[in-house]
C-alpha atoms as a PDB file:
ATOM      1  CA  MET A   1     -63.170  40.546  16.912  1.00  0.00           C
ATOM      2  CA  ALA A   2     -66.351  38.874  18.571  1.00  0.00           C
ATOM      3  CA  LEU A   3     -68.951  41.080  19.582  1.00  0.00           C
ATOM      4  CA  THR A   4     -70.173  39.439  22.813  1.00  0.00           C
ATOM      5  CA  PRO A   5     -68.638  37.576  25.741  1.00  0.00           C
ATOM      6  CA  LYS A   6     -70.642  34.484  24.548  1.00  0.00           C
ATOM      7  CA  ALA A   7     -69.379  35.105  20.656  1.00  0.00           C
ATOM      8  CA  SER A   8     -65.770  35.329  22.124  1.00  0.00           C
ATOM      9  CA  LYS A   9     -65.698  32.279  23.982  1.00  0.00           C
ATOM     10  CA  LEU A  10     -67.077  30.483  20.898  1.00  0.00           C
ATOM     11  CA  GLY A  11     -64.154  31.836  18.850  1.00  0.00           C
ATOM     12  CA  GLU A  12     -61.523  30.644  21.771  1.00  0.00           C
ATOM     13  CA  THR A  13     -63.041  27.327  21.810  1.00  0.00           C
ATOM     14  CA  GLY A  14     -62.522  26.807  18.282  1.00  0.00           C
ATOM     15  CA  GLU A  15     -59.176  28.268  18.155  1.00  0.00           C
ATOM     16  CA  GLN A  16     -58.123  25.597  20.782  1.00  0.00           C
ATOM     17  CA  TYR A  17     -60.400  22.730  19.175  1.00  0.00           C
ATOM     18  CA  VAL A  18     -57.712  23.394  15.942  1.00  0.00           C
ATOM     19  CA  SER A  19     -54.816  24.107  17.901  1.00  0.00           C
ATOM     20  CA  ASP A  20     -55.202  20.225  19.543  1.00  0.00           C
ATOM     21  CA  TYR A  21     -56.196  19.279  15.566  1.00  0.00           C
ATOM     22  CA  LEU A  22     -52.821  20.399  14.949  1.00  0.00           C
ATOM     23  CA  MET A  23     -50.841  19.289  17.508  1.00  0.00           C
ATOM     24  CA  LYS A  24     -52.236  15.942  16.899  1.00  0.00           C
ATOM     25  CA  THR A  25     -51.278  15.553  13.419  1.00  0.00           C
ATOM     26  CA  GLY A  26     -47.517  16.697  14.306  1.00  0.00           C
ATOM     27  CA  ASN A  27     -47.347  20.160  14.294  1.00  0.00           C
ATOM     28  CA  GLN A  28     -46.047  22.572  17.103  1.00  0.00           C
ATOM     29  CA  ILE A  29     -47.599  25.672  17.781  1.00  0.00           C
ATOM     30  CA  LEU A  30     -45.524  28.783  17.503  1.00  0.00           C
ATOM     31  CA  SER A  31     -48.054  31.665  18.271  1.00  0.00           C
ATOM     32  CA  ARG A  32     -51.546  32.150  19.126  1.00  0.00           C
ATOM     33  CA  ASN A  33     -53.723  35.710  18.408  1.00  0.00           C
ATOM     34  CA  TRP A  34     -50.662  37.344  17.227  1.00  0.00           C
ATOM     35  CA  ARG A  35     -51.543  40.833  16.927  1.00  0.00           C
ATOM     36  CA  ILE A  36     -50.204  43.774  15.695  1.00  0.00           C
ATOM     37  CA  ARG A  37     -51.764  47.014  14.542  1.00  0.00           C
ATOM     38  CA  GLU A  38     -52.698  45.550  11.064  1.00  0.00           C
ATOM     39  CA  GLY A  39     -54.775  42.983  12.567  1.00  0.00           C
ATOM     40  CA  GLU A  40     -54.226  39.246  14.007  1.00  0.00           C
ATOM     41  CA  LEU A  41     -53.482  36.083  13.236  1.00  0.00           C
ATOM     42  CA  ASP A  42     -54.994  33.018  14.887  1.00  0.00           C
ATOM     43  CA  ILE A  43     -52.508  30.170  14.593  1.00  0.00           C
ATOM     44  CA  VAL A  44     -49.379  30.102  13.495  1.00  0.00           C
ATOM     45  CA  ALA A  45     -47.606  26.354  13.589  1.00  0.00           C
ATOM     46  CA  ILE A  46     -44.896  24.942  12.039  1.00  0.00           C
ATOM     47  CA  ASP A  47     -44.663  21.136  10.861  1.00  0.00           C
ATOM     48  CA  ARG A  48     -42.070  18.598  11.025  1.00  0.00           C
ATOM     49  CA  ASP A  49     -40.507  19.313   7.724  1.00  0.00           C
ATOM     50  CA  GLY A  50     -39.996  23.320   9.074  1.00  0.00           C
ATOM     51  CA  LEU A  51     -43.316  24.340   6.898  1.00  0.00           C
ATOM     52  CA  ILE A  52     -45.010  27.315   9.042  1.00  0.00           C
ATOM     53  CA  ILE A  53     -48.382  27.357   8.989  1.00  0.00           C
ATOM     54  CA  PHE A  54     -50.676  30.400   9.231  1.00  0.00           C
ATOM     55  CA  VAL A  55     -54.217  29.140   9.987  1.00  0.00           C
ATOM     56  CA  GLU A  56     -57.091  31.741  10.227  1.00  0.00           C
ATOM     57  CA  VAL A  57     -59.945  30.229  12.149  1.00  0.00           C
ATOM     58  CA  LYS A  58     -63.867  30.831  11.513  1.00  0.00           C
ATOM     59  CA  THR A  59     -66.068  29.368  14.475  1.00  0.00           C
ATOM     60  CA  ARG A  60     -69.856  29.374  14.683  1.00  0.00           C
ATOM     61  CA  SER A  61     -72.923  27.769  16.372  1.00  0.00           C
ATOM     62  CA  SER A  62     -74.852  26.618  13.448  1.00  0.00           C
ATOM     63  CA  ILE A  63     -74.413  27.201   9.670  1.00  0.00           C
ATOM     64  CA  ALA A  64     -77.900  29.463  10.033  1.00  0.00           C
ATOM     65  CA  PHE A  65     -75.880  32.379   8.709  1.00  0.00           C
ATOM     66  CA  GLY A  66     -73.893  30.344   5.964  1.00  0.00           C
ATOM     67  CA  ASP A  67     -70.579  28.283   6.129  1.00  0.00           C
ATOM     68  CA  PRO A  68     -68.001  29.750   8.352  1.00  0.00           C
ATOM     69  CA  LEU A  69     -65.408  29.773   6.047  1.00  0.00           C
ATOM     70  CA  GLU A  70     -67.725  31.832   3.725  1.00  0.00           C
ATOM     71  CA  SER A  71     -66.897  34.815   5.990  1.00  0.00           C
ATOM     72  CA  ILE A  72     -63.277  34.719   4.583  1.00  0.00           C
ATOM     73  CA  SER A  73     -63.220  37.068   1.838  1.00  0.00           C
ATOM     74  CA  HIS A  74     -60.728  38.031  -0.798  1.00  0.00           C
ATOM     75  CA  LYS A  75     -59.739  41.339   1.094  1.00  0.00           C
ATOM     76  CA  LYS A  76     -59.139  39.107   4.509  1.00  0.00           C
ATOM     77  CA  LEU A  77     -57.128  36.643   2.495  1.00  0.00           C
ATOM     78  CA  ILE A  78     -54.627  39.705   1.531  1.00  0.00           C
ATOM     79  CA  ARG A  79     -54.347  40.864   4.847  1.00  0.00           C
ATOM     80  CA  ILE A  80     -53.493  37.863   6.423  1.00  0.00           C
ATOM     81  CA  GLN A  81     -51.116  37.350   3.765  1.00  0.00           C
ATOM     82  CA  ARG A  82     -49.764  40.352   5.108  1.00  0.00           C
ATOM     83  CA  LEU A  83     -50.100  39.751   8.623  1.00  0.00           C
ATOM     84  CA  ALA A  84     -48.109  36.211   7.659  1.00  0.00           C
ATOM     85  CA  LEU A  85     -45.106  38.084   6.040  1.00  0.00           C
ATOM     86  CA  ALA A  86     -45.004  40.617   9.126  1.00  0.00           C
ATOM     87  CA  TRP A  87     -44.761  37.465  11.494  1.00  0.00           C
ATOM     88  CA  LEU A  88     -42.036  36.034   9.462  1.00  0.00           C
ATOM     89  CA  ALA A  89     -40.269  39.391   9.489  1.00  0.00           C
ATOM     90  CA  THR A  90     -40.797  39.888  12.971  1.00  0.00           C
ATOM     91  CA  ASN A  91     -39.829  36.472  13.760  1.00  0.00           C
ATOM     92  CA  LEU A  92     -36.661  36.304  11.651  1.00  0.00           C
ATOM     93  CA  LYS A  93     -38.078  33.831   9.455  1.00  0.00           C
ATOM     94  CA  LEU A  94     -38.527  35.420   6.230  1.00  0.00           C
ATOM     95  CA  GLY A  95     -37.665  33.414   3.319  1.00  0.00           C
ATOM     96  CA  ASN A  96     -39.060  30.312   5.221  1.00  0.00           C
ATOM     97  CA  SER A  97     -41.401  28.188   3.251  1.00  0.00           C
ATOM     98  CA  TYR A  98     -45.129  29.042   4.748  1.00  0.00           C
ATOM     99  CA  ARG A  99     -48.469  28.233   3.858  1.00  0.00           C
ATOM    100  CA  ILE A 100     -52.269  29.729   4.713  1.00  0.00           C
ATOM    101  CA  ASP A 101     -55.150  27.565   6.081  1.00  0.00           C
ATOM    102  CA  THR A 102     -58.512  28.070   7.101  1.00  0.00           C
ATOM    103  CA  ALA A 103     -60.470  26.142   9.748  1.00  0.00           C
ATOM    104  CA  GLY A 104     -64.469  26.514   9.891  1.00  0.00           C
ATOM    105  CA  VAL A 105     -65.367  25.001  13.075  1.00  0.00           C
ATOM    106  CA  ILE A 106     -69.022  24.361  14.222  1.00  0.00           C
ATOM    107  CA  ILE A 107     -70.173  23.781  17.557  1.00  0.00           C
ATOM    108  CA  SER A 108     -73.274  22.842  18.068  1.00  0.00           C
ATOM    109  CA  ARG A 109     -75.511  23.520  20.957  1.00  0.00           C
ATOM    110  CA  ALA A 110     -74.972  19.866  22.065  1.00  0.00           C
ATOM    111  CA  GLY A 111     -71.267  20.326  21.823  1.00  0.00           C
ATOM    112  CA  GLU A 112     -70.583  18.525  18.817  1.00  0.00           C
ATOM    113  CA  ILE A 113     -67.832  19.862  17.336  1.00  0.00           C
ATOM    114  CA  THR A 114     -67.452  19.776  13.354  1.00  0.00           C
ATOM    115  CA  LEU A 115     -64.079  20.938  11.469  1.00  0.00           C
ATOM    116  CA  ASP A 116     -63.446  21.859   7.748  1.00  0.00           C
ATOM    117  CA  TYR A 117     -59.730  22.318   7.524  1.00  0.00           C
ATOM    118  CA  ARG A 118     -58.459  23.262   4.171  1.00  0.00           C
ATOM    119  CA  LYS A 119     -54.812  23.426   3.331  1.00  0.00           C
ATOM    120  CA  GLY A 120     -52.864  26.224   1.013  1.00  0.00           C
ATOM    121  CA  ILE A 121     -55.995  28.534   0.560  1.00  0.00           C
ATOM    122  CA  SER A 122     -53.866  31.571  -0.633  1.00  0.00           C
END
């Protein structure tokens, strides 16, 4: 959860960029910011073959405090795994194949966007 409105806007922009990227590469977005008590899934998509993709997006304005993907700890990955299973159960998709991806987005002050997308990180 973002601490300031500026950080929140930055995060929303990063998630939109990743959603657009996923759609351009042939995926369909099923859900964004799906939330339950235990946490939130940033993006849930499905590819052409029916593989469900859960994407954790981390957005920063620079790498001054490290790469965005460095902020995804082992504990966070376990939480994402649990949330993915909860999404599958809630949406009657238990048993479907799925994957967990991460996306690190850097949006510079000049508006340039850099994406580091990694598949199957769990």
